[in-house]
Structures are given as structure tokens and as C-alpha cells.
Amino acid sequence: MEDPGFRRAKWAIAALFCFLGLQYATWAARLPALKARLDLGAGELGLLLMACGAGAAASFPLVAVLMRRLGSRRLSLVSALCLVALLAALSVVPDYPLALLVICGDGVAVGCLNVAMNAQGAALESAYGRTAMSQLHATFSAGLLAAALLASGATAVTSSVPAHFAVAAALLLLLLGYARQGLLRHTEPGPAQVDTPKTGSRWAVPAGTTLLMGCAMAFGTITEGAMNDWSTLYLKDVVKASSAVAPMGIAVVSVMMLLARVRADHWRSRWGDGRVVRTGSAVAGAGLALALSAGGVVPTLLGFACVGLGAAAVTPCVYVAAAERGSDALALVAAMGTTGLLAGPALVGFVAGAGGLTLGMATVAASSLIVTAAALRIPWRERVPAPTG
């Protein structure tokens, strides 16, 4: 029987994950309207998107300081309130320079909330001896889906971006109000768990284990980001799938990832985080490599399904492992993950320009196998069965 305290805290933290997915996808869904209102070209729009990711990646020093001073609970609430305000500002921003500033600020707030809510998830698992992180990440995907449905409904009723964002802001505040009541009062791990050198300096060189976790996170997010951006084009241009079938690539990856994340906590409890990451990333890399070699629509979609299935639990497990070593380690690993998410699509595009899209997609398979190699060296914590009753 599930402990009432665990259940209450899990759903409160899940509300934060859903909040982040809903906030991000809300403004991303209205990029065409923002592009038209500010009269932006393709290059300016690309720079706008890069500003969000750059803000999130550059937030590492700030997040590390704020986590120590505020703790994950207060930082979650403060950064979430900032994201609501930034969403409102983006709906009425009058010119491109201010839009860049708002989006960059949004990225910084996303970086803060991302670290804080994952610290909450790791603290939940530690406090109750139960796995939950993969299901929490699944609620982020649910937030993305909710935002897409809201955007579709809002545009059918009105073309007003402020009206759409006002409804979204109200939903975000409801989620935040629900989360506030159940968040854990999380404290830092003890000194034996923190993976940073013991020096008097505030800024220390990260330890090797933290860098390994950052490597696994970066290449894991390279895999996720590249599949989202390039799977449709690969199906259409290389496999010669029809226009109706080509979008199924991202659909297959997304559905398999969501389903796997719902079940991944059970796998983690049974086999341990290390085995789940090693096996999953190997399945993703090998499955995609075989699909690229075989060609054809069906083998390609099966390979994409392997990526969604295998990569689903990588980032949740690495977040838990990093959080156990302190907020500095978690902030650095999260920043490296954001960097991978930004660099992945660009890396595939660069390789594709030099040697073709098949070779570009092969770098995605290689990224997954690099995660496997890094996971072999990470000292994963052994899990004990959850208490019953």
C-alpha cells in the first residue's frame, strides 16, 4: 500500500514537472504568431530559440548558489512564479530586442526550476525508499501534450496571443498552488555524498564522477533532441516515406518514451539504475544502427521505437545520481544536459551536410553508445526494496 505522505509529495512534485512542460510548449506553440507580430526572419527566429537554451545552459553558477541559499522547495516556487510572469511578458513584448531578453530570462528560470524540481524528485526517492523519477518525467511529457491541446483550442477560438497566454497562466498558477502544499523541505546531502573536492574555494573543479554523469546526460539529451528534429526529415528524404508517414517518426519516439517512463520506475526498483541506463542506451544505439543499415519504412520506425524505449530512463536516472552528490553536481549535470539538447540537432546537421543524413543519424546511435560507456564507469547507488504496508 502506497504511503499517503509519499503519494502527496509525488503528485506535488509531478505538478512542477507538468508546469514546466505546459509553460515551455505554450509559448513554443505560438512561435508563428510571435514571428509574424515582430516581423522576424528565419535567422532571427533561430536566434530567439537559441537565446532560451543559452540562458538555461548559462544558469549553472546562479542555480548552484540559489540552491544552497534557498533550497529546492523555495527555488521551485520562485522560479515557477518567474516563468508565469515571463510568459505574460512574452505575449505583449513590443520588439525583437526585448523578446530576446525575455526569452533568455525564461531560459534562466527554466534552468532553475529544472534543477530544483529534479532535486525534489531525488529527495522524494531518498526519503521514502521508492522510485518515482521516471514517472515524474512522464508528467513533463503530459504537460507538453496539454499545452498542444490548449494551443489548438485557443487558436480555434481567437487569434489573440495574450488571451491564450492568460488562460495558460491561470492553469500554471493552479498547478503551482497544488504543488506548494506538498513539496518536500529538502536539505543538502551529507558531506560523504557530495562529489566535489573539499577546498575553501567556492568554485571547484568537478570530480570525475560528476563529469561522467554530465557526459551521460549530454549525450543522452543529444539523442533525444536530434530525434525530435531530424526523424521526420530522415524518413522523408532518405527512406522516401510519404508525407503522411514521415511525421510518424517523432510520434513513435514520443509515444514509446512516454510509455517507457511510466514503467521505468518498476524497472529501476527491480534491476537498479545502472543496469537500466546501460541496457536502455545500448538498445537505443544498436536498434537505431540496425535500422539505418536495413533501410525501409518499417525497420526505420522499429529503430526509432528502440530509441524511445531505451532512452526514456536515461535522464531521470542520471538526475537522481547527480542529486545524491549535491546541488552543485546536479546544476552542472543539468547544464550539460541542456547543452546537449542544444548541440544535438546542430551536430547532426553538420555531419549530414558533410556526409549525408544517414551518417548524421549514425551520430545519434553513437551518442547512445557513448552513454552506455559512461554508465559503465558511474558508481550507481544500489537500491533496496521499498517498505511495504
Protein backbone atom coordinates (compact mmCIF):
# COMPACT_ATOMS: atom_id res chain seq x y z
CA MET A 1 0.00 0.00 0.00
CA GLU A 2 1.40 3.40 -1.01
CA ASP A 3 2.30 5.73 1.87
CA PRO A 4 -0.05 8.78 1.93
CA GLY A 5 2.88 11.14 2.52
CA PHE A 6 4.76 9.69 -0.45
CA ARG A 7 1.70 9.93 -2.67
CA ARG A 8 1.00 13.55 -1.70
CA ALA A 9 4.61 14.62 -2.25
CA LYS A 10 4.88 12.70 -5.54
CA TRP A 11 1.84 14.39 -7.03
CA ALA A 12 3.01 17.81 -5.80
CA ILE A 13 6.38 17.35 -7.50
CA ALA A 14 4.66 15.92 -10.58
CA ALA A 15 2.69 19.18 -10.77
CA LEU A 16 6.01 21.03 -11.12
CA PHE A 17 7.12 18.77 -13.98
CA CYS A 18 3.75 19.25 -15.68
CA PHE A 19 4.06 23.00 -15.05
CA LEU A 20 7.39 23.19 -16.90
CA GLY A 21 6.14 21.20 -19.88
CA LEU A 22 2.99 23.32 -20.10
CA GLN A 23 4.85 26.64 -19.83
CA TYR A 24 7.50 25.78 -22.40
CA ALA A 25 5.17 24.28 -25.00
CA THR A 26 2.66 27.14 -24.62
CA TRP A 27 4.98 29.81 -25.97
CA ALA A 28 6.68 27.41 -28.40
CA ALA A 29 3.29 26.62 -29.95
CA ARG A 30 2.74 30.32 -30.71
CA LEU A 31 6.10 30.99 -32.33
CA PRO A 32 4.46 31.53 -35.76
CA ALA A 33 2.26 34.28 -34.27
CA LEU A 34 5.25 35.82 -32.48
CA LYS A 35 7.27 35.66 -35.70
CA ALA A 36 4.52 37.45 -37.62
CA ARG A 37 3.91 40.11 -34.95
CA LEU A 38 7.58 41.04 -34.64
CA ASP A 39 8.25 40.55 -38.39
CA LEU A 40 11.11 38.10 -37.82
CA GLY A 41 13.13 36.23 -40.41
CA ALA A 42 14.21 32.61 -40.09
CA GLY A 43 17.62 33.61 -38.73
CA GLU A 44 16.14 35.92 -36.10
CA LEU A 45 13.70 33.22 -35.01
CA GLY A 46 16.54 30.73 -34.72
CA LEU A 47 18.48 33.17 -32.55
CA LEU A 48 15.40 33.62 -30.37
CA LEU A 49 15.22 29.87 -29.77
CA MET A 50 18.95 29.75 -29.12
CA ALA A 51 18.59 32.51 -26.51
CA CYS A 52 16.30 30.31 -24.41
CA GLY A 53 18.69 27.39 -24.47
CA ALA A 54 21.70 29.61 -23.87
CA GLY A 55 20.00 31.13 -20.82
CA ALA A 56 19.29 27.66 -19.42
CA ALA A 57 22.82 26.43 -20.09
CA ALA A 58 24.42 29.56 -18.61
CA SER A 59 22.29 29.41 -15.46
CA PHE A 60 24.59 26.84 -13.80
CA PRO A 61 26.53 29.23 -11.48
CA LEU A 62 23.34 31.02 -10.42
CA VAL A 63 21.45 27.78 -9.80
CA ALA A 64 24.26 26.39 -7.65
CA VAL A 65 24.22 29.49 -5.43
CA LEU A 66 20.42 29.68 -5.21
CA MET A 67 20.09 26.00 -4.34
CA ARG A 68 22.43 26.48 -1.39
CA ARG A 69 20.67 29.63 -0.18
CA LEU A 70 17.01 28.84 -0.88
CA GLY A 71 16.79 25.07 -1.08
CA SER A 72 14.91 23.18 -3.77
CA ARG A 73 11.41 23.93 -2.43
CA ARG A 74 11.72 27.71 -2.34
CA LEU A 75 13.70 27.84 -5.58
CA SER A 76 11.00 25.77 -7.31
CA LEU A 77 8.27 28.20 -6.24
CA VAL A 78 10.24 31.37 -7.04
CA SER A 79 11.42 30.21 -10.47
CA ALA A 80 7.91 28.96 -11.34
CA LEU A 81 6.41 32.36 -10.49
CA CYS A 82 9.06 33.99 -12.69
CA LEU A 83 8.06 31.71 -15.57
CA VAL A 84 4.42 32.77 -15.26
CA ALA A 85 5.46 36.44 -15.34
CA LEU A 86 7.78 35.88 -18.31
CA LEU A 87 5.02 34.11 -20.24
CA ALA A 88 2.76 37.13 -19.70
CA ALA A 89 5.56 39.49 -20.79
CA LEU A 90 6.20 37.49 -23.96
CA SER A 91 2.57 37.85 -25.02
CA VAL A 92 2.87 41.66 -25.21
CA VAL A 93 6.59 42.22 -25.87
CA PRO A 94 6.80 45.12 -28.40
CA ASP A 95 10.08 44.49 -30.23
CA TYR A 96 12.75 41.92 -31.03
CA PRO A 97 15.50 43.00 -28.56
CA LEU A 98 13.05 42.82 -25.66
CA ALA A 99 11.79 39.46 -26.91
CA LEU A 100 15.39 38.17 -26.83
CA LEU A 101 15.76 39.45 -23.27
CA VAL A 102 12.50 37.83 -22.13
CA ILE A 103 13.31 34.50 -23.78
CA CYS A 104 16.82 34.48 -22.31
CA GLY A 105 15.30 35.16 -18.87
CA ASP A 106 12.86 32.34 -19.49
CA GLY A 107 15.80 30.02 -20.14
CA VAL A 108 17.46 31.01 -16.86
CA ALA A 109 14.21 30.40 -14.93
CA VAL A 110 13.78 27.06 -16.72
CA GLY A 111 17.31 26.10 -15.65
CA CYS A 112 16.50 26.98 -12.03
CA LEU A 113 13.19 25.08 -11.98
CA ASN A 114 14.69 22.10 -13.80
CA VAL A 115 17.38 21.63 -11.15
CA ALA A 116 15.08 22.36 -8.20
CA MET A 117 12.28 20.00 -9.23
CA ASN A 118 14.71 17.17 -10.02
CA ALA A 119 16.29 17.73 -6.59
CA GLN A 120 12.79 17.39 -5.13
CA GLY A 121 12.29 14.14 -7.06
CA ALA A 122 15.60 12.74 -5.83
CA ALA A 123 14.79 13.78 -2.24
CA LEU A 124 11.42 12.02 -2.55
CA GLU A 125 13.08 8.76 -3.57
CA SER A 126 15.66 9.07 -0.79
CA ALA A 127 13.09 9.90 1.92
CA TYR A 128 10.67 7.08 1.11
CA GLY A 129 12.95 4.45 -0.43
CA ARG A 130 10.79 4.24 -3.55
CA THR A 131 11.45 5.03 -7.22
CA ALA A 132 9.43 7.83 -8.80
CA MET A 133 11.66 9.95 -11.04
CA SER A 134 10.72 8.33 -14.35
CA GLN A 135 7.02 8.86 -13.70
CA LEU A 136 7.74 12.47 -12.80
CA HIS A 137 9.47 12.95 -16.15
CA ALA A 138 6.45 11.37 -17.82
CA THR A 139 4.27 14.15 -16.39
CA PHE A 140 6.53 16.67 -18.15
CA SER A 141 5.51 14.99 -21.41
CA ALA A 142 1.90 15.22 -20.28
CA GLY A 143 2.38 18.97 -19.81
CA LEU A 144 3.67 19.24 -23.37
CA LEU A 145 0.60 17.41 -24.63
CA ALA A 146 -1.75 19.60 -22.57
CA ALA A 147 -0.12 22.74 -23.96
CA ALA A 148 -0.52 21.49 -27.53
CA LEU A 149 -4.22 20.78 -26.98
CA LEU A 150 -4.72 24.16 -25.30
CA ALA A 151 -2.97 25.95 -28.15
CA SER A 152 -5.13 24.14 -30.71
CA GLY A 153 -8.32 25.06 -28.87
CA ALA A 154 -7.27 28.66 -28.23
CA THR A 155 -6.35 29.35 -31.85
CA ALA A 156 -9.69 27.91 -32.96
CA VAL A 157 -11.49 30.42 -30.72
CA THR A 158 -9.30 33.53 -31.01
CA SER A 159 -6.10 34.74 -32.64
CA SER A 160 -5.19 36.73 -29.52
CA VAL A 161 -1.91 35.54 -28.03
CA PRO A 162 -2.45 37.49 -24.75
CA ALA A 163 -5.83 35.76 -24.26
CA HIS A 164 -4.30 32.34 -24.91
CA PHE A 165 -1.38 33.01 -22.55
CA ALA A 166 -3.74 34.35 -19.87
CA VAL A 167 -5.61 31.04 -19.82
CA ALA A 168 -2.31 29.16 -19.73
CA ALA A 169 -1.07 31.37 -16.87
CA ALA A 170 -4.20 30.59 -14.87
CA LEU A 171 -3.60 26.85 -15.33
CA LEU A 172 0.04 27.28 -14.36
CA LEU A 173 -0.92 29.08 -11.15
CA LEU A 174 -3.37 26.30 -10.30
CA LEU A 175 -0.62 23.72 -10.74
CA LEU A 176 1.75 25.81 -8.65
CA GLY A 177 -0.84 26.23 -5.89
CA TYR A 178 -1.36 22.48 -5.79
CA ALA A 179 2.38 21.78 -5.75
CA ARG A 180 3.09 24.25 -2.94
CA GLN A 181 1.20 22.23 -0.35
CA GLY A 182 3.11 19.00 -0.82
CA LEU A 183 6.70 19.91 -1.74
CA LEU A 184 9.42 18.48 0.45
CA ARG A 185 11.58 20.69 2.64
CA HIS A 186 14.69 19.33 1.00
CA THR A 187 18.12 19.65 2.60
CA GLU A 188 21.52 19.11 1.06
CA PRO A 189 23.08 15.61 1.11
CA GLY A 190 25.68 14.92 3.74
CA PRO A 191 29.37 15.58 3.02
CA ALA A 192 30.04 11.93 2.21
CA GLN A 193 27.61 12.10 -0.69
CA VAL A 194 28.77 15.35 -2.28
CA ASP A 195 31.06 14.72 -5.24
CA THR A 196 33.13 17.91 -5.06
CA PRO A 197 36.67 18.43 -3.81
CA LYS A 198 36.93 19.74 -0.26
CA THR A 199 38.56 23.11 -0.75
CA GLY A 200 37.91 26.54 0.62
CA SER A 201 37.11 27.89 -2.83
CA ARG A 202 33.52 28.43 -3.80
CA TRP A 203 34.25 27.30 -7.37
CA ALA A 204 35.99 23.92 -7.54
CA VAL A 205 36.85 21.64 -10.43
CA PRO A 206 34.10 18.99 -10.64
CA ALA A 207 35.12 15.48 -9.63
CA GLY A 208 35.46 12.73 -12.21
CA THR A 209 32.19 11.04 -11.30
CA THR A 210 30.26 14.28 -11.82
CA LEU A 211 31.88 14.75 -15.23
CA LEU A 212 30.95 11.17 -16.19
CA MET A 213 27.35 11.88 -15.21
CA GLY A 214 27.47 15.11 -17.20
CA CYS A 215 28.79 13.19 -20.21
CA ALA A 216 25.98 10.64 -19.94
CA MET A 217 23.41 13.42 -19.61
CA ALA A 218 24.82 15.45 -22.52
CA PHE A 219 24.90 12.53 -24.97
CA GLY A 220 21.54 11.28 -23.71
CA THR A 221 19.93 14.64 -24.49
CA ILE A 222 21.77 14.80 -27.83
CA THR A 223 19.91 11.60 -28.69
CA GLU A 224 16.52 12.98 -27.58
CA GLY A 225 16.93 16.39 -29.25
CA ALA A 226 18.26 15.06 -32.53
CA MET A 227 15.46 12.51 -32.88
CA ASN A 228 12.85 15.21 -32.35
CA ASP A 229 14.37 17.46 -35.00
CA TRP A 230 15.62 15.05 -37.68
CA SER A 231 13.47 11.89 -37.63
CA THR A 232 10.79 13.29 -39.95
CA LEU A 233 13.32 14.61 -42.46
CA TYR A 234 15.21 11.29 -42.46
CA LEU A 235 12.03 9.35 -43.20
CA LYS A 236 11.06 11.69 -46.00
CA ASP A 237 14.41 12.34 -47.72
CA VAL A 238 16.34 9.12 -47.14
CA VAL A 239 13.73 6.39 -46.61
CA LYS A 240 11.35 8.08 -49.12
CA ALA A 241 8.32 7.72 -46.87
CA SER A 242 5.15 9.53 -47.88
CA SER A 243 4.25 12.92 -46.39
CA ALA A 244 1.60 11.20 -44.27
CA VAL A 245 4.04 8.62 -42.86
CA ALA A 246 7.08 10.85 -42.31
CA PRO A 247 5.73 12.58 -39.16
CA MET A 248 5.21 9.15 -37.60
CA GLY A 249 8.89 9.11 -36.73
CA ILE A 250 8.62 11.64 -33.94
CA ALA A 251 5.26 10.17 -32.90
CA VAL A 252 6.78 6.70 -32.46
CA VAL A 253 9.71 8.07 -30.44
CA SER A 254 7.46 10.21 -28.23
CA VAL A 255 4.85 7.53 -27.53
CA MET A 256 7.44 4.87 -26.74
CA MET A 257 9.30 7.27 -24.45
CA LEU A 258 6.14 8.22 -22.58
CA LEU A 259 5.07 4.59 -22.13
CA ALA A 260 8.55 3.55 -21.04
CA ARG A 261 8.77 6.34 -18.48
CA VAL A 262 5.51 5.22 -16.94
CA ARG A 263 7.02 1.76 -16.39
CA ALA A 264 10.68 2.66 -15.87
CA ASP A 265 10.45 3.14 -12.09
CA HIS A 266 9.42 -0.51 -11.79
CA TRP A 267 12.47 -1.49 -13.85
CA ARG A 268 14.70 0.67 -11.67
CA SER A 269 13.39 -0.97 -8.50
CA ARG A 270 13.90 -4.44 -9.93
CA TRP A 271 17.24 -4.13 -11.75
CA GLY A 272 18.83 -0.92 -10.47
CA ASP A 273 19.51 2.41 -12.20
CA GLY A 274 22.88 1.40 -13.62
CA ARG A 275 21.56 -1.64 -15.45
CA VAL A 276 18.54 0.28 -16.75
CA VAL A 277 20.74 3.06 -18.17
CA ARG A 278 23.34 0.72 -19.64
CA THR A 279 20.80 -1.63 -21.21
CA GLY A 280 18.47 1.13 -22.38
CA SER A 281 21.14 3.22 -24.07
CA ALA A 282 22.61 0.10 -25.71
CA VAL A 283 19.16 -0.85 -27.04
CA ALA A 284 18.68 2.68 -28.39
CA GLY A 285 22.08 2.82 -30.10
CA ALA A 286 22.07 -0.70 -31.50
CA GLY A 287 18.42 -0.54 -32.60
CA LEU A 288 18.94 2.72 -34.48
CA ALA A 289 22.19 1.49 -36.06
CA LEU A 290 20.50 -1.67 -37.34
CA ALA A 291 17.58 0.39 -38.71
CA LEU A 292 19.96 2.70 -40.58
CA SER A 293 21.70 -0.32 -42.08
CA ALA A 294 18.48 -2.09 -43.09
CA GLY A 295 16.61 0.86 -44.59
CA GLY A 296 12.89 0.85 -45.35
CA VAL A 297 9.99 2.44 -43.52
CA VAL A 298 9.15 -0.42 -41.13
CA PRO A 299 12.74 -1.12 -39.97
CA THR A 300 13.30 2.62 -39.52
CA LEU A 301 10.19 3.04 -37.37
CA LEU A 302 11.20 -0.01 -35.32
CA GLY A 303 14.63 1.54 -34.83
CA PHE A 304 13.05 4.82 -33.74
CA ALA A 305 10.88 2.86 -31.29
CA CYS A 306 14.06 1.37 -29.81
CA VAL A 307 15.39 4.88 -29.26
CA GLY A 308 12.24 5.99 -27.44
CA LEU A 309 12.19 2.83 -25.34
CA GLY A 310 15.88 2.79 -24.50
CA ALA A 311 16.50 6.49 -23.90
CA ALA A 312 13.42 7.06 -21.73
CA ALA A 313 15.01 6.33 -18.36
CA VAL A 314 18.50 7.73 -19.01
CA THR A 315 17.93 11.33 -17.93
CA PRO A 316 15.73 10.50 -14.88
CA CYS A 317 18.35 8.06 -13.54
CA VAL A 318 21.27 10.43 -14.13
CA TYR A 319 19.37 13.28 -12.43
CA VAL A 320 18.86 11.09 -9.35
CA ALA A 321 22.52 10.05 -9.26
CA ALA A 322 23.70 13.67 -9.63
CA ALA A 323 21.29 14.98 -6.98
CA GLU A 324 22.70 12.47 -4.49
CA ARG A 325 26.08 14.23 -4.85
CA GLY A 326 24.85 17.71 -4.05
CA SER A 327 23.26 20.72 -5.70
CA ASP A 328 26.49 21.79 -7.45
CA ALA A 329 26.77 18.41 -9.17
CA LEU A 330 23.08 18.48 -10.10
CA ALA A 331 23.32 22.01 -11.51
CA LEU A 332 26.38 21.14 -13.62
CA VAL A 333 24.86 17.91 -14.95
CA ALA A 334 21.60 19.72 -15.81
CA ALA A 335 23.55 22.46 -17.64
CA MET A 336 25.46 19.82 -19.64
CA GLY A 337 22.14 18.19 -20.49
CA THR A 338 20.79 21.48 -21.80
CA THR A 339 23.96 21.96 -23.83
CA GLY A 340 23.50 18.51 -25.35
CA LEU A 341 19.89 19.27 -26.17
CA LEU A 342 21.04 22.42 -28.00
CA ALA A 343 24.08 20.88 -29.67
CA GLY A 344 22.46 17.62 -30.79
CA PRO A 345 20.38 18.89 -33.73
CA ALA A 346 23.20 21.18 -34.87
CA LEU A 347 25.74 18.34 -34.67
CA VAL A 348 23.55 16.06 -36.78
CA GLY A 349 23.05 18.87 -39.29
CA PHE A 350 26.80 19.49 -39.56
CA VAL A 351 27.59 15.80 -40.09
CA ALA A 352 24.69 15.46 -42.55
CA GLY A 353 26.00 18.40 -44.55
CA ALA A 354 29.40 16.75 -44.81
CA GLY A 355 28.43 13.11 -45.37
CA GLY A 356 24.66 12.75 -45.75
CA LEU A 357 21.74 12.41 -43.35
CA THR A 358 22.30 8.68 -42.81
CA LEU A 359 25.74 9.46 -41.40
CA GLY A 360 24.18 12.27 -39.38
CA MET A 361 21.68 9.87 -37.82
CA ALA A 362 24.54 7.45 -37.17
CA THR A 363 25.97 10.06 -34.78
CA VAL A 364 22.73 9.74 -32.79
CA ALA A 365 23.29 6.00 -32.47
CA ALA A 366 26.89 6.66 -31.46
CA SER A 367 25.72 9.14 -28.81
CA SER A 368 23.58 6.45 -27.20
CA LEU A 369 26.51 4.03 -27.14
CA ILE A 370 28.68 6.71 -25.52
CA VAL A 371 26.04 6.90 -22.77
CA THR A 372 26.48 3.13 -22.30
CA ALA A 373 30.25 3.53 -22.00
CA ALA A 374 29.92 6.36 -19.46
CA ALA A 375 27.32 4.45 -17.46
CA LEU A 376 29.76 1.56 -17.04
CA ARG A 377 32.05 3.86 -15.05
CA ILE A 378 29.45 5.63 -12.91
CA PRO A 379 29.10 4.23 -9.35
CA TRP A 380 25.34 3.80 -9.22
CA ARG A 381 23.71 3.51 -5.80
CA GLU A 382 22.27 0.11 -5.06
CA ARG A 383 18.53 0.18 -4.41
CA VAL A 384 16.78 -1.69 -1.65
CA PRO A 385 13.18 -2.90 -1.97
CA ALA A 386 10.57 -0.33 -0.93
CA PRO A 387 8.97 -0.88 2.51
CA THR A 388 5.53 -2.47 2.46
CA GLY A 389 2.42 -1.62 4.42
